[in-house]
Amino acid sequence: MTDQNSKAGKARMKRMTPEQRSEVARAGAMARWEKADPTRAALPRALYGADDRPLRIGEMEIPCYVLDDERRVLTIKGMLGAMNMAQGGSMVAGMNRLELFTTRERIKPFVLSGLAERIHSPIHFITPTGGRAQGYEAEVLVDLCEAVLEARAAGVLQTQQKAIAQSCEVIMRGLARVGIVALVDEATGFQEVRKRDALHKILEAYIAPELMGWAKRFPDSFYEEMFRLHGWEYDPESVARPGVVGKFTNTYVYEQLPPGIIEELRNKNPKDEAGRRRVRHHQFLTDEVGHPHLERQIAAATTLMRASDDWPTFKRLFSRAFPKAGDQTELLP
């Protein structure tokens, strides 16, 4: 009977594709591992992610995965490498290197209690190939980098810690251009199957309800018309825009609000060392007065752009509609 089963099994294997045979072998290996280590059965499993599809930020590469409960996870080893932290050495009191780092005297005051708790409880999971790994949810990397940069700004870092801060700055600059969740989804391939409203739900979880109304105050049409008049290719899914777009937004929208508003917004929302602002200007405007005025100005500028064939024509139309004191209105030909 055993010989018959063996022959039948070999016959089935011959009929399978290479991919099917590989999957059978993987399932068999995982079954053996779980028999040898029963604790594996209780661990979450990564459904997406592979060694050859890491999260890339500049020259950094961090292995990343999406678990069966949709948590986006970065490996501890990858985070250590990205932050330019030593990975060797033995553990102290059962803590990994990131835990030890956040308990250091100079860093600890800047690590919020919630972050400390998450770092103290790494996620143990099973990779798609059946291996065991440890990591943290992707947002932990962002929160940890912010803590390090705050410590640097306070001037308390030791010489060897300044290199870590430099890496954190590089990471934050990279992540500022696109959300960490979207990056992980792209790297793992999860973006191809996630629900269309998944990112919006994630946004709701991280933005206070009172700020949700400000999440996308400038409509796509505002930028689409601006790009059209300049002959630029417009991609509504991309956040990358020419630097002059910010200047145009100030000139034709914010500077048209009542006198003194743009100056006060700049005071409340100053640029950081990298030349970026913490939030959007419009998040400081009131819902009763500031918001309606802003929307009317955006609508007016968009309408004038839509009525123009080129940027110089728009500028002339805008000057006529919103003349500044002392300006001489330029007549249309």
Protein backbone atom coordinates (compact mmCIF):
# COMPACT_ATOMS: atom_id res chain seq x y z
CA MET A 1 0.00 0.00 0.00
CA THR A 2 2.87 2.31 0.81
CA ASP A 3 4.43 1.69 -2.61
CA GLN A 4 1.10 2.47 -4.31
CA ASN A 5 0.76 5.72 -2.39
CA SER A 6 4.33 6.63 -3.27
CA LYS A 7 3.72 5.97 -6.97
CA ALA A 8 0.45 7.93 -6.91
CA GLY A 9 2.21 10.81 -5.21
CA LYS A 10 4.99 10.87 -7.77
CA ALA A 11 2.42 10.79 -10.58
CA ARG A 12 0.60 13.80 -9.10
CA MET A 13 3.88 15.69 -8.79
CA LYS A 14 4.65 15.08 -12.47
CA ARG A 15 1.30 16.55 -13.48
CA MET A 16 1.93 19.72 -11.46
CA THR A 17 3.50 22.92 -12.73
CA PRO A 18 6.81 24.05 -11.18
CA GLU A 19 4.90 26.66 -9.18
CA GLN A 20 2.47 24.06 -7.81
CA ARG A 21 5.32 21.72 -6.84
CA SER A 22 7.06 24.59 -5.07
CA GLU A 23 3.89 25.43 -3.14
CA VAL A 24 3.43 21.78 -2.10
CA ALA A 25 7.03 21.65 -0.90
CA ARG A 26 6.62 24.89 1.02
CA ALA A 27 3.42 23.69 2.68
CA GLY A 28 5.11 20.46 3.66
CA ALA A 29 8.08 22.29 5.15
CA MET A 30 5.80 24.62 7.14
CA ALA A 31 3.84 21.63 8.46
CA ARG A 32 7.08 20.03 9.67
CA TRP A 33 8.24 23.27 11.27
CA GLU A 34 4.96 23.72 13.11
CA LYS A 35 5.11 20.15 14.38
CA ALA A 36 8.61 20.81 15.70
CA ASP A 37 7.61 24.24 17.10
CA PRO A 38 3.88 24.42 18.02
CA THR A 39 4.15 28.14 18.89
CA ARG A 40 4.41 28.97 15.17
CA ALA A 41 0.72 28.19 14.65
CA ALA A 42 -0.34 31.16 16.78
CA LEU A 43 1.87 33.69 14.98
CA PRO A 44 0.47 36.07 12.33
CA ARG A 45 1.52 35.32 8.77
CA ALA A 46 2.82 37.67 6.11
CA LEU A 47 0.72 37.42 2.97
CA TYR A 48 2.77 39.91 0.96
CA GLY A 49 6.45 40.75 0.87
CA ALA A 50 9.67 39.12 -0.26
CA ASP A 51 13.41 39.52 0.23
CA ASP A 52 13.75 40.91 -3.29
CA ARG A 53 11.01 43.54 -2.80
CA PRO A 54 12.18 45.73 0.10
CA LEU A 55 11.02 49.21 0.96
CA ARG A 56 13.55 51.55 -0.67
CA ILE A 57 14.27 55.05 0.65
CA GLY A 58 17.20 56.46 -1.26
CA GLU A 59 19.98 53.88 -0.89
CA MET A 60 18.30 52.27 2.13
CA GLU A 61 16.49 48.95 1.83
CA ILE A 62 14.17 47.68 4.57
CA PRO A 63 12.46 44.26 4.27
CA CYS A 64 8.73 44.85 4.61
CA TYR A 65 5.61 42.71 4.77
CA VAL A 66 1.82 42.95 4.99
CA LEU A 67 0.41 40.51 7.55
CA ASP A 68 -2.85 38.58 7.34
CA ASP A 69 -4.47 41.22 9.58
CA GLU A 70 -3.23 43.96 7.18
CA ARG A 71 -0.58 45.35 9.51
CA ARG A 72 2.36 46.75 7.54
CA VAL A 73 5.56 45.57 9.18
CA LEU A 74 9.23 46.50 8.81
CA THR A 75 11.86 44.09 10.12
CA ILE A 76 13.96 45.11 13.09
CA LYS A 77 17.16 44.30 11.22
CA GLY A 78 16.07 46.49 8.31
CA MET A 79 15.19 49.39 10.59
CA LEU A 80 18.56 49.16 12.35
CA GLY A 81 20.35 49.27 9.02
CA ALA A 82 18.31 52.22 7.76
CA MET A 83 19.00 54.21 10.92
CA ASN A 84 22.73 53.43 10.75
CA MET A 85 22.66 51.60 14.07
CA ALA A 86 24.93 48.71 15.11
CA GLN A 87 23.28 45.31 14.68
CA GLY A 88 25.79 43.02 16.40
CA GLY A 89 26.30 42.28 20.04
CA SER A 90 24.22 40.41 22.57
CA MET A 91 20.84 41.43 23.93
CA VAL A 92 20.62 43.04 27.36
CA ALA A 93 17.75 42.12 29.67
CA GLY A 94 15.97 40.55 26.70
CA MET A 95 15.82 43.85 24.77
CA ASN A 96 16.78 44.24 21.13
CA ARG A 97 18.96 47.08 19.87
CA LEU A 98 16.06 49.45 19.21
CA GLU A 99 14.70 48.90 22.70
CA LEU A 100 18.11 49.56 24.21
CA PHE A 101 18.55 52.70 22.13
CA THR A 102 15.23 54.20 23.26
CA THR A 103 16.10 53.64 26.92
CA ARG A 104 19.32 55.65 26.68
CA GLU A 105 19.44 58.70 28.90
CA ARG A 106 19.68 61.21 26.04
CA ILE A 107 16.92 59.70 23.89
CA LYS A 108 14.38 58.45 26.44
CA PRO A 109 12.85 61.89 27.28
CA PHE A 110 11.82 62.30 23.63
CA VAL A 111 10.22 58.86 23.25
CA LEU A 112 6.51 59.03 24.06
CA SER A 113 5.14 56.31 26.33
CA GLY A 114 3.00 54.83 23.55
CA LEU A 115 6.02 54.49 21.27
CA ALA A 116 8.11 52.96 24.05
CA GLU A 117 5.43 50.33 24.65
CA ARG A 118 5.27 49.41 20.96
CA ILE A 119 9.05 49.13 20.68
CA HIS A 120 9.08 46.92 23.78
CA SER A 121 6.59 44.55 22.09
CA PRO A 122 7.99 43.60 18.66
CA ILE A 123 5.79 41.60 16.29
CA HIS A 124 6.84 37.99 15.75
CA PHE A 125 5.48 36.65 12.46
CA ILE A 126 5.91 34.02 9.76
CA THR A 127 7.27 35.20 6.41
CA PRO A 128 5.76 34.02 3.10
CA THR A 129 8.65 31.54 2.74
CA GLY A 130 7.95 30.05 6.17
CA GLY A 131 10.71 31.68 8.18
CA ARG A 132 10.26 33.49 11.48
CA ALA A 133 10.93 37.22 11.69
CA GLN A 134 10.54 40.16 14.06
CA GLY A 135 9.52 43.66 13.23
CA TYR A 136 7.41 46.70 14.02
CA GLU A 137 4.49 48.37 12.34
CA ALA A 138 5.76 50.80 9.73
CA GLU A 139 4.58 53.88 11.66
CA VAL A 140 7.02 53.07 14.48
CA LEU A 141 9.91 53.99 12.19
CA VAL A 142 8.41 57.43 11.61
CA ASP A 143 7.72 58.06 15.30
CA LEU A 144 11.20 56.91 16.29
CA CYS A 145 12.87 59.14 13.70
CA GLU A 146 10.89 62.11 14.96
CA ALA A 147 12.05 61.41 18.52
CA VAL A 148 15.70 61.26 17.43
CA LEU A 149 15.39 64.50 15.45
CA GLU A 150 13.79 66.23 18.42
CA ALA A 151 16.70 65.10 20.57
CA ARG A 152 19.12 66.49 17.99
CA ALA A 153 17.26 69.80 17.91
CA ALA A 154 17.60 69.97 21.69
CA GLY A 155 21.35 69.49 21.33
CA VAL A 156 21.60 66.46 23.62
CA LEU A 157 22.93 63.80 21.24
CA GLN A 158 26.37 62.28 21.63
CA THR A 159 28.78 62.31 18.69
CA GLN A 160 28.04 58.72 17.64
CA GLN A 161 24.30 59.38 17.85
CA LYS A 162 24.46 62.27 15.39
CA ALA A 163 25.05 59.84 12.53
CA ILE A 164 21.82 58.10 13.52
CA ALA A 165 20.03 61.44 13.46
CA GLN A 166 21.38 62.14 9.99
CA SER A 167 19.94 58.84 8.76
CA CYS A 168 16.63 59.65 10.42
CA GLU A 169 16.52 62.95 8.56
CA VAL A 170 17.10 61.16 5.25
CA ILE A 171 14.31 58.72 6.10
CA MET A 172 11.86 61.48 7.02
CA ARG A 173 12.62 63.45 3.87
CA GLY A 174 11.95 60.37 1.79
CA LEU A 175 8.72 59.56 3.59
CA ALA A 176 7.53 63.15 3.37
CA ARG A 177 6.99 62.66 -0.35
CA VAL A 178 4.72 59.68 -0.06
CA GLY A 179 2.98 57.98 2.86
CA ILE A 180 4.72 55.10 4.54
CA VAL A 181 1.69 52.86 4.10
CA ALA A 182 1.49 53.50 0.38
CA LEU A 183 5.21 52.81 0.07
CA VAL A 184 4.95 49.44 1.78
CA ASP A 185 1.92 48.52 -0.33
CA GLU A 186 3.84 49.32 -3.49
CA ALA A 187 6.93 47.42 -2.43
CA THR A 188 4.99 44.28 -1.47
CA GLY A 189 2.50 44.35 -4.34
CA PHE A 190 -0.43 44.77 -1.94
CA GLN A 191 -1.56 47.91 -3.75
CA GLU A 192 -2.79 45.71 -6.58
CA VAL A 193 -5.41 44.04 -4.39
CA ARG A 194 -6.23 46.55 -1.64
CA LYS A 195 -9.65 48.12 -1.60
CA ARG A 196 -9.99 51.47 -3.33
CA ASP A 197 -10.89 53.25 -0.10
CA ALA A 198 -8.18 51.59 2.02
CA LEU A 199 -5.84 54.59 2.07
CA HIS A 200 -8.69 56.94 2.93
CA LYS A 201 -9.61 54.78 5.92
CA ILE A 202 -5.99 54.85 7.05
CA LEU A 203 -6.03 58.63 6.70
CA GLU A 204 -9.11 58.81 8.93
CA ALA A 205 -7.29 56.81 11.58
CA TYR A 206 -4.40 59.27 11.73
CA ILE A 207 -6.11 62.62 11.19
CA ALA A 208 -8.38 64.03 13.87
CA PRO A 209 -12.03 64.28 12.73
CA GLU A 210 -11.94 68.06 12.87
CA LEU A 211 -9.07 68.04 10.34
CA MET A 212 -10.60 65.56 7.90
CA GLY A 213 -12.37 68.37 6.10
CA TRP A 214 -8.98 69.85 5.31
CA ALA A 215 -7.44 66.63 3.97
CA LYS A 216 -7.85 67.75 0.36
CA ARG A 217 -8.84 71.40 0.27
CA PHE A 218 -7.40 72.17 -3.17
CA PRO A 219 -9.30 70.25 -5.90
CA ASP A 220 -7.46 68.43 -8.68
CA SER A 221 -8.86 70.90 -11.21
CA PHE A 222 -6.84 73.74 -9.65
CA TYR A 223 -3.55 71.95 -10.35
CA GLU A 224 -4.73 70.36 -13.58
CA GLU A 225 -5.43 73.78 -15.13
CA MET A 226 -2.14 75.18 -13.84
CA PHE A 227 -0.24 72.29 -15.38
CA ARG A 228 -2.14 72.65 -18.66
CA LEU A 229 -1.21 76.31 -19.00
CA HIS A 230 2.46 75.49 -18.44
CA GLY A 231 2.51 72.46 -20.70
CA TRP A 232 3.41 70.14 -17.81
CA GLU A 233 2.27 66.54 -17.67
CA TYR A 234 -0.31 66.16 -14.90
CA ASP A 235 -0.61 62.99 -12.83
CA PRO A 236 -3.43 63.22 -10.23
CA GLU A 237 -1.95 60.26 -8.32
CA SER A 238 1.44 61.91 -7.83
CA VAL A 239 2.34 64.38 -5.08
CA ALA A 240 5.49 65.47 -6.93
CA ARG A 241 5.11 68.99 -8.34
CA PRO A 242 7.48 71.69 -9.56
CA GLY A 243 8.67 73.89 -6.71
CA VAL A 244 7.11 76.97 -8.29
CA VAL A 245 3.62 75.51 -7.75
CA GLY A 246 3.83 76.48 -4.08
CA LYS A 247 4.72 80.05 -5.05
CA PHE A 248 1.76 80.19 -7.46
CA THR A 249 -0.55 78.89 -4.73
CA ASN A 250 0.58 81.65 -2.38
CA THR A 251 0.32 84.37 -5.03
CA TYR A 252 -3.10 83.51 -6.47
CA VAL A 253 -4.82 82.11 -3.38
CA TYR A 254 -3.37 82.85 0.06
CA GLU A 255 -2.13 86.36 -0.69
CA GLN A 256 -5.63 87.25 -1.89
CA LEU A 257 -7.08 86.65 1.56
CA PRO A 258 -7.55 89.73 3.82
CA PRO A 259 -4.39 91.71 4.68
CA GLY A 260 -2.21 90.13 7.31
CA ILE A 261 -3.59 86.58 6.95
CA ILE A 262 -0.70 85.11 4.94
CA GLU A 263 1.84 86.64 7.33
CA GLU A 264 0.04 85.17 10.33
CA LEU A 265 -0.17 81.76 8.65
CA ARG A 266 3.58 81.84 8.02
CA ASN A 267 4.18 82.69 11.69
CA LYS A 268 1.94 79.88 12.92
CA ASN A 269 3.25 77.38 10.37
CA PRO A 270 7.00 78.12 9.92
CA LYS A 271 9.34 76.11 7.72
CA ASP A 272 11.64 73.58 9.33
CA GLU A 273 15.37 73.16 8.71
CA ALA A 274 14.59 71.28 5.49
CA GLY A 275 12.46 74.16 4.18
CA ARG A 276 9.14 72.34 4.69
CA ARG A 277 6.09 73.27 6.73
CA ARG A 278 4.65 70.92 9.35
CA VAL A 279 1.09 71.10 7.98
CA ARG A 280 -0.86 72.88 5.25
CA HIS A 281 -1.63 76.57 5.77
CA HIS A 282 -5.36 76.02 5.38
CA GLN A 283 -5.50 73.82 8.48
CA PHE A 284 -5.22 76.99 10.57
CA LEU A 285 -8.17 78.74 8.92
CA THR A 286 -11.54 78.79 10.65
CA ASP A 287 -14.41 76.74 9.30
CA GLU A 288 -16.87 79.63 9.61
CA VAL A 289 -14.93 82.37 7.78
CA GLY A 290 -11.52 81.25 6.55
CA HIS A 291 -12.64 78.07 4.85
CA PRO A 292 -15.45 79.62 2.70
CA HIS A 293 -13.18 82.51 1.65
CA LEU A 294 -10.41 80.12 0.68
CA GLU A 295 -12.79 77.98 -1.41
CA ARG A 296 -14.12 81.04 -3.24
CA GLN A 297 -10.58 82.18 -4.07
CA ILE A 298 -9.58 78.72 -5.32
CA ALA A 299 -12.72 78.56 -7.47
CA ALA A 300 -12.07 82.04 -8.92
CA ALA A 301 -8.44 81.25 -9.80
CA THR A 302 -9.43 77.92 -11.34
CA THR A 303 -12.14 79.58 -13.44
CA LEU A 304 -9.72 82.18 -14.78
CA MET A 305 -7.16 79.50 -15.62
CA ARG A 306 -9.82 77.48 -17.41
CA ALA A 307 -10.71 80.56 -19.48
CA SER A 308 -7.08 81.12 -20.53
CA ASP A 309 -5.06 79.59 -23.35
CA ASP A 310 -1.68 80.27 -21.77
CA TRP A 311 -0.15 81.46 -18.49
CA PRO A 312 0.43 85.10 -19.52
CA THR A 313 -3.25 85.41 -20.43
CA PHE A 314 -4.26 84.02 -17.06
CA LYS A 315 -2.00 86.49 -15.26
CA ARG A 316 -3.59 89.40 -17.12
CA LEU A 317 -7.09 88.15 -16.39
CA PHE A 318 -6.20 87.64 -12.74
CA SER A 319 -4.72 91.16 -12.45
CA ARG A 320 -7.95 92.63 -13.77
CA ALA A 321 -10.11 90.53 -11.43
CA PHE A 322 -7.92 91.05 -8.35
CA PRO A 323 -5.92 94.28 -8.78
CA LYS A 324 -3.47 95.25 -6.07
CA ALA A 325 -3.37 98.76 -4.72
CA GLY A 326 -1.00 100.83 -6.81
CA ASP A 327 -0.89 98.34 -9.69
CA GLN A 328 -1.58 99.48 -13.21
CA THR A 329 -3.97 97.00 -14.78
CA GLU A 330 -2.55 95.45 -17.92
CA LEU A 331 -5.05 95.56 -20.77
CA LEU A 332 -5.78 92.51 -22.85
CA PRO A 333 -4.98 92.83 -26.55
